[in-house]
C-alpha cells in the first residue's frame, strides 16, 4: 500500500484503529482491551461479565487518579465503544443466549500492535527471524519446483545435513541453545501468536461481511429460486476458493488434527517450563525500568 497524502487522509477518516488511537480515552480502552482480549485471549465475553470487569477498572482508576476522571458508568462506555460508528467492540447476541456478548474487532488488535511496537526493548532478537526468512524462501522455491531432479537434490541435501547431525550426537557433540537464543525464539513465538489472534478477528470480520452481503442479496431477490440457489452456492464456492478461504481452511485442517493439538500442548508446556524464558534480561538495568 502506498502511503501517499490522499491515501493517509482517507485512512485517518475511515480506519477504526486510527480513531481509537485519537480517542480521548484511548489509554483506558487500549489497556482494558489488551488485558481482556489479547493477553487473556477472550474471543467472546458476556455483557454482564465485561461490565463488571470494566466497573472494577474504572473504580480503581478513579480512586487513584481522582473521582470524576472517568465519570460514566461501565455500561455507558461499552455502549460508546460498540457503537457502529466506532467499531472497536462487536456487540452481538449468540444463538443460544438473550444476553449481549462482546468481542474485540480487528481494529483493536491493530491499534494494540502499533502501540506495542513503540515500546523500547532491551532485548531484540534477530537470529530466529532471519532463520524464518530462509525457511520460508526455501519452502517457496521447493514448493514450486516441478523438476524431479531438482527436488531430489534438495531432499538429498537435507538428508546429508540430518546425517551429519546424527553423527555429531552419536559422538556426544550436542549443541544447545543458550538463554539469548531461547529468548529470541520465544519473542518471535509470542509476536506471531498475537498476530494470529489479530488475523483470526480480521478473517472472521471479512466472512461476516460476505455473509451479510449474501443475506441482503437473498432478501432482495425477485428471480427464480433455482437461480438464487445457484447464486448462493456459487458465492460459497468462490469464498472457499479465494486465497483467504484456502489459507484459512489449510490452517484449520492443520490445527484440527488431534496429533497436532497434542504436539502443540506438549511443546507449549515444555517451553513455559524453561528457566531461560523467565530469566531476567542481562541487558536490562537492575532496579530500573
Protein backbone atom coordinates (compact mmCIF):
# COMPACT_ATOMS: atom_id res chain seq x y z
CA UNK A 1 0.00 0.00 0.00
CA UNK A 2 1.34 3.40 -0.97
CA UNK A 3 1.40 5.92 1.87
CA UNK A 4 0.72 8.97 -0.23
CA UNK A 5 -1.04 12.01 1.21
CA UNK A 6 -4.54 11.31 -0.12
CA UNK A 7 -4.42 7.70 0.99
CA UNK A 8 -3.38 8.71 4.51
CA UNK A 9 -6.15 11.32 4.72
CA UNK A 10 -8.68 8.65 3.73
CA UNK A 11 -7.28 6.18 6.25
CA UNK A 12 -7.39 8.76 9.01
CA UNK A 13 -11.10 9.22 8.35
CA UNK A 14 -12.06 5.60 7.73
CA UNK A 15 -9.81 3.50 9.95
CA UNK A 16 -11.36 2.39 13.24
CA UNK A 17 -7.85 1.69 14.57
CA UNK A 18 -6.79 5.27 13.84
CA UNK A 19 -9.94 6.61 15.52
CA UNK A 20 -9.14 4.52 18.57
CA UNK A 21 -5.65 5.97 18.85
CA UNK A 22 -7.09 9.51 18.58
CA UNK A 23 -9.88 8.92 21.13
CA UNK A 24 -9.83 10.84 24.42
CA UNK A 25 -9.99 7.60 26.41
CA UNK A 26 -7.52 5.71 24.21
CA UNK A 27 -5.29 4.73 27.16
CA UNK A 28 -8.25 3.31 29.07
CA UNK A 29 -9.52 1.37 26.07
CA UNK A 30 -6.16 0.04 24.95
CA UNK A 31 -5.15 -1.13 28.43
CA UNK A 32 -8.53 -2.73 29.11
CA UNK A 33 -8.89 -4.32 25.67
CA UNK A 34 -5.31 -5.58 25.77
CA UNK A 35 -5.76 -7.32 29.10
CA UNK A 36 -9.14 -8.89 28.32
CA UNK A 37 -8.98 -9.69 24.62
CA UNK A 38 -5.25 -10.03 23.89
CA UNK A 39 -3.39 -11.18 26.99
CA UNK A 40 -6.25 -13.40 28.18
CA UNK A 41 -7.27 -14.26 24.63
CA UNK A 42 -11.02 -13.84 25.20
CA UNK A 43 -12.97 -14.39 21.99
CA UNK A 44 -16.46 -13.78 23.34
CA UNK A 45 -17.41 -12.44 26.73
CA UNK A 46 -20.87 -11.97 28.22
CA UNK A 47 -22.03 -8.40 28.68
CA UNK A 48 -22.59 -8.72 32.43
CA UNK A 49 -19.08 -10.04 32.98
CA UNK A 50 -17.49 -7.36 30.84
CA UNK A 51 -19.47 -4.62 32.60
CA UNK A 52 -18.33 -5.96 35.97
CA UNK A 53 -14.69 -6.09 34.92
CA UNK A 54 -14.76 -2.60 33.44
CA UNK A 55 -16.55 -1.29 36.52
CA UNK A 56 -13.71 -2.63 38.70
CA UNK A 57 -11.19 -0.99 36.37
CA UNK A 58 -12.99 2.37 36.50
CA UNK A 59 -13.27 2.23 40.27
CA UNK A 60 -9.54 1.59 40.66
CA UNK A 61 -8.59 4.36 38.22
CA UNK A 62 -10.96 6.91 39.77
CA UNK A 63 -9.66 6.02 43.23
CA UNK A 64 -6.05 6.52 42.09
CA UNK A 65 -6.44 9.45 39.68
CA UNK A 66 -9.29 11.29 41.36
CA UNK A 67 -13.05 10.92 41.33
CA UNK A 68 -14.56 12.08 38.08
CA UNK A 69 -11.60 11.07 35.91
CA UNK A 70 -13.93 8.59 34.26
CA UNK A 71 -17.42 9.79 35.18
CA UNK A 72 -19.57 7.45 33.06
CA UNK A 73 -20.80 4.00 34.02
CA UNK A 74 -19.13 0.90 32.64
CA UNK A 75 -22.18 0.13 30.52
CA UNK A 76 -22.21 3.64 29.07
CA UNK A 77 -18.59 3.30 27.98
CA UNK A 78 -19.27 -0.10 26.42
CA UNK A 79 -22.23 1.34 24.52
CA UNK A 80 -19.99 4.02 23.05
CA UNK A 81 -17.15 1.61 22.24
CA UNK A 82 -19.51 -0.82 20.49
CA UNK A 83 -21.44 1.83 18.56
CA UNK A 84 -21.42 1.18 14.78
CA UNK A 85 -19.67 4.49 14.14
CA UNK A 86 -16.69 3.48 16.28
CA UNK A 87 -16.19 -0.19 15.50
CA UNK A 88 -13.97 -1.10 18.45
CA UNK A 89 -16.14 -3.75 20.09
CA UNK A 90 -18.52 -6.12 18.35
CA UNK A 91 -21.77 -6.44 20.28
CA UNK A 92 -23.93 -9.38 19.29
CA UNK A 93 -26.35 -11.99 20.61
CA UNK A 94 -25.27 -15.65 20.36
CA UNK A 95 -27.88 -18.06 19.06
CA UNK A 96 -28.37 -19.69 22.46
CA UNK A 97 -28.43 -16.53 24.60
CA UNK A 98 -30.54 -13.43 25.05
CA UNK A 99 -27.64 -11.62 26.74
CA UNK A 100 -25.37 -9.45 24.60
CA UNK A 101 -21.80 -10.63 24.17
CA UNK A 102 -18.72 -8.65 23.17
CA UNK A 103 -15.59 -9.30 21.19
CA UNK A 104 -12.76 -7.03 20.13
CA UNK A 105 -12.54 -6.10 16.47
CA UNK A 106 -9.54 -6.35 14.17
CA UNK A 107 -9.10 -2.58 14.58
CA UNK A 108 -8.39 -3.05 18.29
CA UNK A 109 -5.74 -5.66 17.52
CA UNK A 110 -4.07 -3.35 15.01
CA UNK A 111 -4.03 -0.40 17.42
CA UNK A 112 -2.60 -2.50 20.24
CA UNK A 113 0.06 -3.98 17.96
CA UNK A 114 1.12 -0.49 16.88
CA UNK A 115 1.35 0.75 20.48
CA UNK A 116 3.37 -2.32 21.44
CA UNK A 117 5.81 -1.51 18.65
CA UNK A 118 6.51 1.89 20.27
CA UNK A 119 7.96 0.38 23.44
CA UNK A 120 11.72 0.26 23.70
CA UNK A 121 13.06 -3.26 24.15
CA UNK A 122 16.32 -4.03 25.88
CA UNK A 123 16.46 -7.33 24.01
CA UNK A 124 15.63 -7.52 20.31
CA UNK A 125 16.03 -10.93 18.74
CA UNK A 126 17.02 -11.14 15.08
CA UNK A 127 18.55 -14.58 14.53
CA UNK A 128 15.28 -16.54 14.58
CA UNK A 129 13.65 -14.06 12.20
CA UNK A 130 16.47 -14.49 9.72
CA UNK A 131 16.16 -18.28 10.02
CA UNK A 132 12.41 -17.97 9.41
CA UNK A 133 13.04 -15.91 6.27
CA UNK A 134 15.40 -18.57 4.93
CA UNK A 135 12.92 -21.35 5.75
CA UNK A 136 10.06 -19.54 4.03
CA UNK A 137 12.15 -18.83 0.94
CA UNK A 138 13.17 -22.49 0.77
CA UNK A 139 9.53 -23.57 1.10
CA UNK A 140 8.52 -21.23 -1.73
CA UNK A 141 11.25 -22.33 -4.11
CA UNK A 142 10.94 -26.03 -3.25
CA UNK A 143 7.14 -25.93 -3.27
CA UNK A 144 7.02 -24.57 -6.81
CA UNK A 145 9.80 -26.74 -8.23
CA UNK A 146 8.49 -29.13 -10.90
CA UNK A 147 11.80 -30.72 -11.88
CA UNK A 148 12.10 -34.13 -10.09
CA UNK A 149 15.91 -33.96 -10.24
CA UNK A 150 15.95 -30.57 -8.51
CA UNK A 151 13.61 -31.87 -5.81
CA UNK A 152 15.74 -34.94 -5.26
CA UNK A 153 18.84 -32.76 -4.98
CA UNK A 154 17.20 -30.63 -2.27
CA UNK A 155 15.97 -33.69 -0.37
CA UNK A 156 19.44 -35.22 -0.58
CA UNK A 157 20.93 -32.01 0.82
CA UNK A 158 18.53 -32.12 3.78
CA UNK A 159 19.26 -35.79 4.41
CA UNK A 160 23.00 -35.07 4.37
CA UNK A 161 22.55 -32.34 7.00
CA UNK A 162 20.48 -34.69 9.18
CA UNK A 163 23.02 -37.49 8.81
CA UNK A 164 25.79 -35.13 9.87
CA UNK A 165 23.85 -34.05 12.94
CA UNK A 166 23.13 -37.67 13.86
CA UNK A 167 26.85 -38.47 13.69
CA UNK A 168 27.67 -35.48 15.92
CA UNK A 169 25.10 -36.51 18.50
CA UNK A 170 26.34 -40.12 18.43
CA UNK A 171 29.81 -38.75 19.13
CA UNK A 172 28.50 -36.82 22.12
CA UNK A 173 28.54 -33.41 20.45
CA UNK A 174 25.21 -31.87 21.42
CA UNK A 175 24.62 -28.22 20.53
CA UNK A 176 22.06 -26.48 22.76
CA UNK A 177 20.52 -23.03 22.54
CA UNK A 178 21.77 -20.51 25.07
CA UNK A 179 19.42 -18.24 27.01
CA UNK A 180 19.69 -15.41 24.47
CA UNK A 181 18.77 -17.72 21.59
CA UNK A 182 15.83 -19.09 23.59
CA UNK A 183 14.53 -15.60 24.39
CA UNK A 184 14.99 -14.65 20.74
CA UNK A 185 12.78 -17.52 19.59
CA UNK A 186 10.26 -17.05 22.39
CA UNK A 187 9.90 -13.39 21.47
CA UNK A 188 9.11 -14.37 17.90
CA UNK A 189 6.61 -17.01 19.06
CA UNK A 190 4.68 -14.53 21.20
CA UNK A 191 4.72 -11.88 18.46
CA UNK A 192 3.43 -14.38 15.92
CA UNK A 193 0.77 -15.64 18.33
CA UNK A 194 -0.55 -12.11 18.85
CA UNK A 195 -0.54 -11.65 15.09
CA UNK A 196 -2.51 -14.87 14.62
CA UNK A 197 -5.22 -13.69 17.00
CA UNK A 198 -5.47 -10.43 15.09
CA UNK A 199 -5.67 -12.36 11.82
CA UNK A 200 -8.48 -14.52 13.20
CA UNK A 201 -10.55 -11.48 14.03
CA UNK A 202 -9.93 -9.89 10.65
CA UNK A 203 -10.77 -13.08 8.74
CA UNK A 204 -13.89 -13.52 10.86
CA UNK A 205 -14.94 -9.94 10.13
CA UNK A 206 -14.40 -10.47 6.40
CA UNK A 207 -16.51 -13.62 6.42
CA UNK A 208 -19.26 -11.84 8.35
CA UNK A 209 -19.27 -9.09 5.72
CA UNK A 210 -19.60 -11.70 2.97
CA UNK A 211 -22.41 -13.41 4.85
CA UNK A 212 -24.19 -10.08 5.39
CA UNK A 213 -23.93 -9.26 1.69
CA UNK A 214 -25.34 -12.66 0.78
CA UNK A 215 -28.25 -12.30 3.18
CA UNK A 216 -29.06 -8.90 1.73
CA UNK A 217 -28.96 -10.35 -1.77
CA UNK A 218 -31.31 -13.17 -0.73
CA UNK A 219 -33.75 -10.74 0.92
CA UNK A 220 -33.88 -8.58 -2.21
CA UNK A 221 -34.01 -11.47 -4.69
CA UNK A 222 -37.00 -11.41 -7.02
CA UNK A 223 -35.98 -14.08 -9.51
CA UNK A 224 -36.47 -17.83 -9.64
CA UNK A 225 -35.49 -19.92 -6.60
CA UNK A 226 -33.26 -22.09 -8.75
CA UNK A 227 -31.27 -19.07 -9.86
CA UNK A 228 -31.00 -17.93 -6.25
CA UNK A 229 -29.68 -21.36 -5.22
CA UNK A 230 -27.08 -21.23 -8.00
CA UNK A 231 -26.06 -17.76 -6.84
CA UNK A 232 -25.69 -18.83 -3.19
CA UNK A 233 -23.75 -21.99 -4.00
CA UNK A 234 -21.56 -20.09 -6.44
CA UNK A 235 -20.77 -17.46 -3.82
CA UNK A 236 -19.91 -20.08 -1.19
CA UNK A 237 -17.64 -21.83 -3.65
CA UNK A 238 -15.93 -18.58 -4.62
CA UNK A 239 -15.29 -17.82 -0.94
CA UNK A 240 -13.85 -21.28 -0.36
CA UNK A 241 -11.65 -20.99 -3.44
CA UNK A 242 -10.40 -17.50 -2.64
CA UNK A 243 -6.85 -17.06 -1.33
CA UNK A 244 -8.18 -16.22 2.11
CA UNK A 245 -10.58 -19.16 2.10
CA UNK A 246 -7.90 -21.66 1.07
CA UNK A 247 -5.30 -20.48 3.57
CA UNK A 248 -7.83 -20.44 6.41
CA UNK A 249 -9.03 -23.95 5.53
CA UNK A 250 -5.46 -25.22 5.38
CA UNK A 251 -4.75 -23.70 8.79
CA UNK A 252 -7.99 -25.11 10.21
CA UNK A 253 -7.26 -28.62 8.90
CA UNK A 254 -3.69 -28.44 10.22
CA UNK A 255 -4.65 -27.43 13.74
CA UNK A 256 -7.75 -29.65 13.89
CA UNK A 257 -5.65 -32.83 13.68
CA UNK A 258 -5.55 -34.41 17.18
CA UNK A 259 -1.85 -35.22 16.81
CA UNK A 260 -1.08 -31.55 16.08
CA UNK A 261 -3.13 -30.38 19.07
CA UNK A 262 -1.33 -32.82 21.38
CA UNK A 263 2.04 -31.78 20.00
CA UNK A 264 1.22 -28.08 20.45
CA UNK A 265 0.14 -28.59 24.07
CA UNK A 266 3.28 -30.60 24.84
CA UNK A 267 5.60 -28.07 23.21
CA UNK A 268 3.97 -25.13 25.00
CA UNK A 269 4.23 -26.86 28.37
CA UNK A 270 7.91 -27.68 27.82
CA UNK A 271 8.79 -24.17 26.67
CA UNK A 272 6.94 -22.48 29.54
CA UNK A 273 8.90 -24.65 31.99
CA UNK A 274 12.27 -23.42 30.67
CA UNK A 275 14.17 -21.31 33.18
CA UNK A 276 15.69 -19.12 30.47
CA UNK A 277 12.28 -17.85 29.39
CA UNK A 278 11.67 -16.26 32.80
CA UNK A 279 15.29 -15.31 33.29
CA UNK A 280 15.82 -11.52 33.61
CA UNK A 281 17.39 -9.95 30.56
CA UNK A 282 21.04 -9.27 31.48
CA UNK A 283 20.92 -6.08 29.38
CA UNK A 284 18.11 -4.64 31.50
CA UNK A 285 19.29 -2.25 34.25
CA UNK A 286 18.89 -3.57 37.78
CA UNK A 287 16.40 -1.70 39.91
CA UNK A 288 15.31 0.48 37.00
CA UNK A 289 12.58 0.48 34.43
